[in-house]
Amino acid sequence: MFERELAELKRRHLARRVISRDTPQGPEIRIQGRRRLNFSSNDYLGLANHPEVVRAAAEAAQRYGFGAGASRLLCGGSGLHRRLEDRIAAFKSTGAALLFNSGYAANTGIIPALAASGATIFSDELNHASIIDGCGLSRAKTVVYPHRDVGRLSSLLAREKGRRIVVTDSVFSMDGDIAPLGEIHDLCRRQGALLYIDDAHATGVLGRGRGGLAHFGIDPDPMILQMGTFSKAFGSFGAFAAGGEDVITWLLNTARSFIFSTALPAPVIAASLKAVSLVSRHPSLVRRLWENRQMLAEGLRDMGIDISASETPIIPIKTQSVRDALRMAASLGEAGIYAPAIRPPAVRQPRVRITVSAAHTERHISRLLSALRRYGKR
């Protein structure tokens, strides 16, 4: 049925295949029997295979079993679920929090719930696909504003009446740049708009790990709602909304992806609880991440590679064509480094997206830089 479409994907070098690891997640992984340095993971703090996280999940499995068996509104939740919501609300300094099964499920459930009464949504043009899909599912009027352009956002906001919702990533996952949350928050406060931030790549990374608002020194308030994930810096799985008690209660009653989904298994929740505790107790994890980011960024700049757009551990190396990106990724693969090409439709301009973690060593980063240096001389 899809022979022609698949043939066209192959012709344009856009056909994809699933890659499977034979080892735990970490800075070194084995793929198809070959050991590789991993610079493609969002496991920013190296917690996905942390012994305390693994132990917490195993102990919870012994106590609660694995499958949740039902939604949270039936009997799917455990005491661990409520503890994690309380813990993440304290971590984010908000009145309440609510768990979701993934960042995608959160955005596609939360945004339609927020826009239920005929709101207008204002969305950054480079927002994540889950935000775009959430806006579409809301059936609300959606206005897309130029990337990080607060001036243009201001003029667009002034044209609309009624409930207005500004939606933005904190850290943009393919470019590694940061939204100007301070300016956006000031604008939303003046205009009386709700600010919804996707903090997936900022939680555990920015603001000493507390996220985008802490990075800019913004105090949470009832007109700000944060979404974050446990699947990146926390090394676990799932997502959350954190905000005022009223908006969280509203989501509990109206967000379809929460209401109609089986709850996350208790061992996953226990792993997230332990990860949040580790980040809170060990600020050196976040410091190490940024030391590694600085080391890698300096090495790339010394080679003349333009990384000016990146402000975070996500560092894209953009190429002129899909074929160039595939060629660079293949060259790195030959050197034992895993950093795949990122192609349309995920991005407009092809690239190799490098992500560094706190678990990388100086030797790992030096090997990556050496491989890129050799590629540049070809």
Protein backbone atom coordinates (compact mmCIF):
# COMPACT_ATOMS: atom_id res chain seq x y z
CA MET A 1 0.00 0.00 0.00
CA PHE A 2 2.82 2.42 0.81
CA GLU A 3 5.44 1.25 -1.71
CA ARG A 4 5.65 4.57 -3.58
CA GLU A 5 5.80 6.64 -0.40
CA LEU A 6 8.52 4.44 1.09
CA ALA A 7 10.51 4.56 -2.15
CA GLU A 8 10.34 8.36 -2.09
CA LEU A 9 11.59 8.45 1.51
CA LYS A 10 14.54 6.29 0.51
CA ARG A 11 15.28 8.45 -2.52
CA ARG A 12 15.42 11.54 -0.30
CA HIS A 13 17.57 9.76 2.33
CA LEU A 14 14.77 10.15 4.88
CA ALA A 15 13.94 6.50 5.55
CA ARG A 16 14.57 5.52 9.16
CA ARG A 17 15.09 2.33 11.12
CA VAL A 18 14.96 1.47 14.79
CA ILE A 19 18.29 1.16 16.63
CA SER A 20 18.47 -1.21 19.61
CA ARG A 21 21.00 -1.19 22.45
CA ASP A 22 22.41 -4.37 23.99
CA THR A 23 23.47 -2.56 27.18
CA PRO A 24 22.04 -0.14 29.75
CA GLN A 25 21.82 3.52 28.80
CA GLY A 26 25.04 5.39 29.47
CA PRO A 27 28.03 7.22 27.99
CA GLU A 28 29.22 3.93 26.47
CA ILE A 29 26.72 1.58 24.84
CA ARG A 30 26.82 -1.46 22.58
CA ILE A 31 24.84 -1.43 19.34
CA GLN A 32 24.83 -4.46 17.03
CA GLY A 33 27.69 -5.97 18.98
CA ARG A 34 29.92 -2.90 18.73
CA ARG A 35 30.89 -0.67 21.65
CA ARG A 36 30.33 3.03 20.99
CA LEU A 37 30.63 6.32 22.83
CA ASN A 38 27.10 7.65 23.12
CA PHE A 39 26.54 11.33 22.35
CA SER A 40 22.86 11.02 21.40
CA SER A 41 21.09 10.45 24.72
CA ASN A 42 18.99 12.88 26.78
CA ASP A 43 20.24 11.18 29.97
CA TYR A 44 21.92 14.46 30.91
CA LEU A 45 22.92 13.56 34.47
CA GLY A 46 23.76 9.90 33.90
CA LEU A 47 20.95 8.65 36.15
CA ALA A 48 19.29 6.12 33.81
CA ASN A 49 21.52 3.30 35.12
CA HIS A 50 22.40 4.82 38.51
CA PRO A 51 22.51 2.01 41.12
CA GLU A 52 20.24 3.84 43.57
CA VAL A 53 17.64 4.46 40.85
CA VAL A 54 17.76 0.82 39.73
CA ARG A 55 17.52 -0.41 43.33
CA ALA A 56 14.50 1.81 44.05
CA ALA A 57 12.68 0.43 41.01
CA ALA A 58 13.48 -3.17 41.99
CA GLU A 59 12.26 -2.69 45.55
CA ALA A 60 9.02 -1.11 44.35
CA ALA A 61 8.45 -4.03 41.97
CA GLN A 62 8.77 -6.42 44.90
CA ARG A 63 6.23 -4.44 46.94
CA TYR A 64 3.72 -3.31 44.30
CA GLY A 65 4.32 -5.66 41.37
CA PHE A 66 4.74 -4.08 37.96
CA GLY A 67 1.60 -3.29 35.98
CA ALA A 68 -0.65 -0.54 37.35
CA GLY A 69 -3.79 -2.19 36.00
CA ALA A 70 -6.00 0.90 35.80
CA SER A 71 -6.05 4.66 35.47
CA ARG A 72 -5.26 6.93 38.42
CA LEU A 73 -8.97 7.77 38.75
CA LEU A 74 -9.75 4.09 39.33
CA CYS A 75 -7.20 2.00 41.25
CA GLY A 76 -4.05 2.38 39.14
CA GLY A 77 -2.13 4.70 41.44
CA SER A 78 -0.15 3.89 44.56
CA GLY A 79 1.07 5.90 47.50
CA LEU A 80 4.27 6.40 45.50
CA HIS A 81 2.38 8.34 42.85
CA ARG A 82 1.09 10.85 45.38
CA ARG A 83 4.52 11.12 47.00
CA LEU A 84 6.11 11.89 43.63
CA GLU A 85 3.53 14.59 42.88
CA ASP A 86 4.17 16.19 46.26
CA ARG A 87 7.94 15.89 45.75
CA ILE A 88 7.92 17.46 42.29
CA ALA A 89 5.64 20.30 43.45
CA ALA A 90 8.17 21.07 46.18
CA PHE A 91 11.05 20.74 43.69
CA LYS A 92 9.34 23.22 41.36
CA SER A 93 8.03 25.44 44.19
CA THR A 94 4.42 25.15 43.00
CA GLY A 95 1.17 24.46 44.83
CA ALA A 96 0.53 21.09 43.20
CA ALA A 97 1.60 18.66 40.48
CA LEU A 98 0.02 15.92 38.38
CA LEU A 99 1.71 12.95 36.71
CA PHE A 100 1.35 12.08 33.02
CA ASN A 101 2.61 9.04 31.13
CA SER A 102 5.00 10.92 28.84
CA GLY A 103 5.87 14.41 27.71
CA TYR A 104 3.92 13.82 24.50
CA ALA A 105 0.88 12.64 26.45
CA ALA A 106 1.18 15.64 28.75
CA ASN A 107 1.25 18.25 25.98
CA THR A 108 -1.53 16.63 23.96
CA GLY A 109 -3.69 16.46 27.09
CA ILE A 110 -2.84 19.69 28.87
CA ILE A 111 -3.02 22.17 25.99
CA PRO A 112 -6.56 21.18 24.89
CA ALA A 113 -7.67 21.30 28.55
CA LEU A 114 -6.28 24.81 29.00
CA ALA A 115 -7.87 26.03 25.79
CA ALA A 116 -11.25 24.42 26.42
CA SER A 117 -13.14 27.71 26.70
CA GLY A 118 -12.19 29.24 23.36
CA ALA A 119 -8.72 30.54 24.15
CA THR A 120 -6.16 31.74 21.63
CA ILE A 121 -2.82 29.93 21.76
CA PHE A 122 0.48 31.62 20.85
CA SER A 123 3.16 29.06 20.00
CA ASP A 124 6.86 29.50 19.16
CA GLU A 125 7.54 28.31 15.62
CA LEU A 126 10.23 25.85 16.81
CA ASN A 127 8.20 24.28 19.60
CA HIS A 128 8.30 20.50 19.97
CA ALA A 129 5.99 18.34 17.84
CA SER A 130 3.97 17.38 20.92
CA ILE A 131 3.14 21.05 21.49
CA ILE A 132 2.14 21.46 17.85
CA ASP A 133 -0.09 18.39 18.10
CA GLY A 134 -1.56 19.61 21.40
CA CYS A 135 -2.47 22.90 19.77
CA GLY A 136 -4.09 21.04 16.89
CA LEU A 137 -6.10 18.78 19.18
CA SER A 138 -7.35 21.80 21.13
CA ARG A 139 -9.15 23.14 18.04
CA ALA A 140 -8.41 26.58 19.44
CA LYS A 141 -7.11 29.42 17.30
CA THR A 142 -3.33 29.00 17.22
CA VAL A 143 -1.02 31.86 16.31
CA VAL A 144 2.58 30.86 15.56
CA TYR A 145 5.13 33.55 16.38
CA PRO A 146 8.74 33.78 15.06
CA HIS A 147 11.29 31.90 17.13
CA ARG A 148 12.04 33.71 20.42
CA ASP A 149 10.69 36.98 18.97
CA VAL A 150 9.13 38.68 22.01
CA GLY A 151 8.42 41.91 20.12
CA ARG A 152 6.36 40.09 17.52
CA LEU A 153 4.66 38.04 20.23
CA SER A 154 3.67 41.25 22.00
CA SER A 155 2.00 42.70 18.92
CA LEU A 156 0.18 39.43 18.21
CA LEU A 157 -1.06 39.16 21.79
CA ALA A 158 -2.46 42.70 21.67
CA ARG A 159 -4.69 41.78 18.71
CA GLU A 160 -6.58 39.03 20.54
CA LYS A 161 -9.19 39.20 23.28
CA GLY A 162 -10.33 36.63 25.82
CA ARG A 163 -8.16 33.91 27.32
CA ARG A 164 -4.70 33.86 25.80
CA ILE A 165 -2.08 31.17 26.34
CA VAL A 166 1.59 31.52 25.40
CA VAL A 167 3.26 28.16 24.89
CA THR A 168 7.02 27.71 24.58
CA ASP A 169 9.78 25.22 25.17
CA SER A 170 12.30 26.34 27.79
CA VAL A 171 15.15 24.63 25.94
CA PHE A 172 14.59 23.86 22.26
CA SER A 173 15.54 20.24 21.79
CA MET A 174 17.11 20.43 18.33
CA ASP A 175 18.99 23.73 18.57
CA GLY A 176 19.91 23.81 22.25
CA ASP A 177 18.93 27.45 22.68
CA ILE A 178 16.86 28.87 25.53
CA ALA A 179 13.57 30.75 25.33
CA PRO A 180 13.71 34.32 26.73
CA LEU A 181 11.42 33.33 29.59
CA GLY A 182 12.07 36.48 31.58
CA GLU A 183 10.82 38.72 28.79
CA ILE A 184 7.96 36.38 27.91
CA HIS A 185 6.85 36.21 31.53
CA ASP A 186 6.89 40.01 31.87
CA LEU A 187 4.84 40.29 28.69
CA CYS A 188 2.31 37.68 29.84
CA ARG A 189 1.95 39.42 33.20
CA ARG A 190 1.26 42.79 31.54
CA GLN A 191 -1.17 41.27 29.06
CA GLY A 192 -2.90 38.93 31.52
CA ALA A 193 -1.95 35.83 29.50
CA LEU A 194 -1.28 32.35 30.85
CA LEU A 195 2.29 31.11 30.30
CA TYR A 196 2.73 27.38 29.63
CA ILE A 197 6.33 26.19 29.43
CA ASP A 198 7.60 22.82 28.28
CA ASP A 199 10.53 22.35 30.65
CA ALA A 200 11.46 18.86 29.42
CA HIS A 201 15.06 19.68 28.44
CA ALA A 202 15.53 22.29 31.18
CA THR A 203 14.48 20.32 34.26
CA GLY A 204 17.62 18.87 35.79
CA VAL A 205 19.75 21.05 33.50
CA LEU A 206 19.04 24.77 34.02
CA GLY A 207 18.70 26.72 37.24
CA ARG A 208 20.81 24.31 39.32
CA GLY A 209 18.51 21.59 38.06
CA ARG A 210 15.26 23.32 39.00
CA GLY A 211 14.54 24.33 35.40
CA GLY A 212 13.84 27.33 33.21
CA LEU A 213 12.06 29.53 35.75
CA ALA A 214 14.88 29.15 38.28
CA HIS A 215 17.41 29.90 35.53
CA PHE A 216 15.78 33.31 35.02
CA GLY A 217 14.96 33.90 38.69
CA ILE A 218 11.21 33.81 38.04
CA ASP A 219 9.00 32.92 40.99
CA PRO A 220 6.21 30.49 40.04
CA ASP A 221 2.74 32.07 40.14
CA PRO A 222 -0.83 30.96 39.31
CA MET A 223 -0.47 32.26 35.74
CA ILE A 224 2.45 29.93 34.96
CA LEU A 225 2.09 26.20 34.30
CA GLN A 226 5.15 24.01 33.80
CA MET A 227 5.38 20.65 32.09
CA GLY A 228 8.47 18.55 32.68
CA THR A 229 9.64 15.00 32.11
CA PHE A 230 11.33 12.31 34.16
CA SER A 231 12.70 10.64 31.01
CA LYS A 232 15.63 12.96 30.39
CA ALA A 233 17.79 14.39 33.19
CA PHE A 234 16.01 12.23 35.79
CA GLY A 235 16.80 9.06 33.84
CA SER A 236 13.36 7.51 34.39
CA PHE A 237 10.09 7.81 32.50
CA GLY A 238 6.89 9.85 32.55
CA ALA A 239 6.03 13.52 32.87
CA PHE A 240 4.33 16.04 35.12
CA ALA A 241 2.46 19.31 35.20
CA ALA A 242 3.35 21.68 38.04
CA GLY A 243 1.36 24.80 38.90
CA GLY A 244 -1.30 26.26 41.14
CA GLU A 245 -3.80 23.95 42.86
CA ASP A 246 -6.73 25.18 40.77
CA VAL A 247 -5.16 24.53 37.38
CA ILE A 248 -3.86 21.11 38.48
CA THR A 249 -7.35 20.17 39.73
CA TRP A 250 -8.75 21.35 36.39
CA LEU A 251 -6.30 19.12 34.50
CA LEU A 252 -7.15 16.14 36.71
CA ASN A 253 -10.77 16.56 35.65
CA THR A 254 -10.33 17.48 31.98
CA ALA A 255 -6.98 16.31 30.50
CA ARG A 256 -7.97 13.32 28.41
CA SER A 257 -4.47 11.81 28.28
CA PHE A 258 -4.52 11.67 32.09
CA ILE A 259 -8.10 10.48 32.54
CA PHE A 260 -8.02 7.74 29.91
CA SER A 261 -4.51 6.32 30.43
CA THR A 262 -3.42 3.47 32.66
CA ALA A 263 -1.19 4.82 35.42
CA LEU A 264 2.57 4.55 35.23
CA PRO A 265 3.88 1.39 36.97
CA ALA A 266 4.99 1.83 40.58
CA PRO A 267 8.64 0.82 39.85
CA VAL A 268 8.86 3.68 37.32
CA ILE A 269 7.48 6.09 39.92
CA ALA A 270 9.98 4.85 42.52
CA ALA A 271 12.84 5.39 40.08
CA SER A 272 11.67 8.96 39.48
CA LEU A 273 11.38 9.63 43.21
CA LYS A 274 14.95 8.48 43.75
CA ALA A 275 16.24 10.51 40.79
CA VAL A 276 14.61 13.73 42.05
CA SER A 277 16.17 13.07 45.45
CA LEU A 278 19.62 12.55 43.91
CA VAL A 279 19.44 15.81 41.95
CA SER A 280 18.34 17.67 45.08
CA ARG A 281 21.07 16.15 47.26
CA HIS A 282 23.95 16.26 44.78
CA PRO A 283 24.29 19.64 43.02
CA SER A 284 27.65 18.40 41.74
CA LEU A 285 25.75 16.37 39.12
CA VAL A 286 24.51 19.51 37.39
CA ARG A 287 27.88 21.25 37.81
CA ARG A 288 29.63 18.31 36.16
CA LEU A 289 27.20 18.45 33.24
CA TRP A 290 28.04 22.11 32.60
CA GLU A 291 31.78 21.53 32.99
CA ASN A 292 31.56 18.87 30.29
CA ARG A 293 29.46 21.14 28.11
CA GLN A 294 32.05 23.89 28.39
CA MET A 295 34.88 21.48 27.55
CA LEU A 296 33.11 20.23 24.43
CA ALA A 297 31.99 23.70 23.30
CA GLU A 298 35.51 25.11 23.60
CA GLY A 299 36.91 22.21 21.56
CA LEU A 300 34.32 22.69 18.82
CA ARG A 301 34.93 26.43 18.66
CA ASP A 302 38.69 25.83 18.41
CA MET A 303 37.97 23.78 15.28
CA GLY A 304 35.98 26.63 13.79
CA ILE A 305 32.62 24.88 14.12
CA ASP A 306 29.77 27.36 14.54
CA ILE A 307 27.83 26.45 17.68
CA SER A 308 26.67 30.00 18.45
CA ALA A 309 22.99 29.01 18.57
CA SER A 310 23.50 26.51 21.37
CA GLU A 311 23.35 27.56 25.03
CA THR A 312 22.94 24.13 26.62
CA PRO A 313 24.32 20.56 26.53
CA ILE A 314 22.47 20.14 23.22
CA ILE A 315 24.96 21.18 20.52
CA PRO A 316 23.89 20.78 16.88
CA ILE A 317 26.42 20.68 14.06
CA LYS A 318 24.37 21.79 11.07
CA THR A 319 25.05 20.62 7.52
CA GLN A 320 24.07 21.78 4.05
CA SER A 321 22.19 18.62 3.10
CA VAL A 322 20.73 15.40 4.45
CA ARG A 323 23.50 13.48 2.70
CA ASP A 324 26.15 15.59 4.46
CA ALA A 325 24.57 14.88 7.85
CA LEU A 326 24.45 11.16 7.12
CA ARG A 327 28.06 11.24 5.97
CA MET A 328 29.22 12.95 9.17
CA ALA A 329 27.27 10.53 11.36
CA ALA A 330 28.72 7.57 9.47
CA SER A 331 32.25 8.92 9.89
CA LEU A 332 31.71 9.30 13.62
CA GLY A 333 30.31 5.77 13.70
CA GLU A 334 33.48 4.45 12.10
CA ALA A 335 35.40 6.10 14.95
CA GLY A 336 33.22 4.33 17.51
CA ILE A 337 30.97 7.30 18.29
CA TYR A 338 27.18 7.22 18.15
CA ALA A 339 25.67 10.57 17.12
CA PRO A 340 23.04 10.02 14.43
CA ALA A 341 21.92 12.46 11.77
CA ILE A 342 18.77 14.48 12.43
CA ARG A 343 16.74 15.03 9.28
CA PRO A 344 13.44 16.54 8.15
CA PRO A 345 10.70 16.53 9.29
CA ALA A 346 12.28 16.65 12.77
CA VAL A 347 14.24 19.75 11.68
CA ARG A 348 14.31 22.04 8.67
CA GLN A 349 18.10 22.05 8.35
CA PRO A 350 19.85 18.67 8.67
CA ARG A 351 22.40 18.24 11.45
CA VAL A 352 24.24 15.94 13.75
CA ARG A 353 22.89 16.64 17.23
CA ILE A 354 25.50 16.18 19.94
CA THR A 355 24.33 15.84 23.54
CA VAL A 356 26.86 15.74 26.36
CA SER A 357 26.14 14.36 29.82
CA ALA A 358 27.57 14.52 33.33
CA ALA A 359 28.62 10.88 32.88
CA HIS A 360 31.02 11.63 30.03
CA THR A 361 34.69 11.77 30.92
CA GLU A 362 37.39 14.02 29.53
CA ARG A 363 38.60 11.02 27.51
CA HIS A 364 35.15 10.57 25.95
CA ILE A 365 34.98 14.22 24.90
CA SER A 366 38.53 14.16 23.54
CA ARG A 367 37.70 11.14 21.39
CA LEU A 368 34.66 12.91 19.94
CA LEU A 369 36.68 16.02 19.15
CA SER A 370 39.44 13.95 17.53
CA ALA A 371 36.89 12.15 15.34
CA LEU A 372 35.34 15.45 14.25
CA ARG A 373 38.78 16.88 13.55
CA ARG A 374 39.62 13.92 11.30
CA TYR A 375 36.28 14.27 9.52
CA GLY A 376 36.93 17.96 8.87
CA LYS A 377 40.23 17.12 7.16
CA ARG A 378 38.66 14.76 4.63
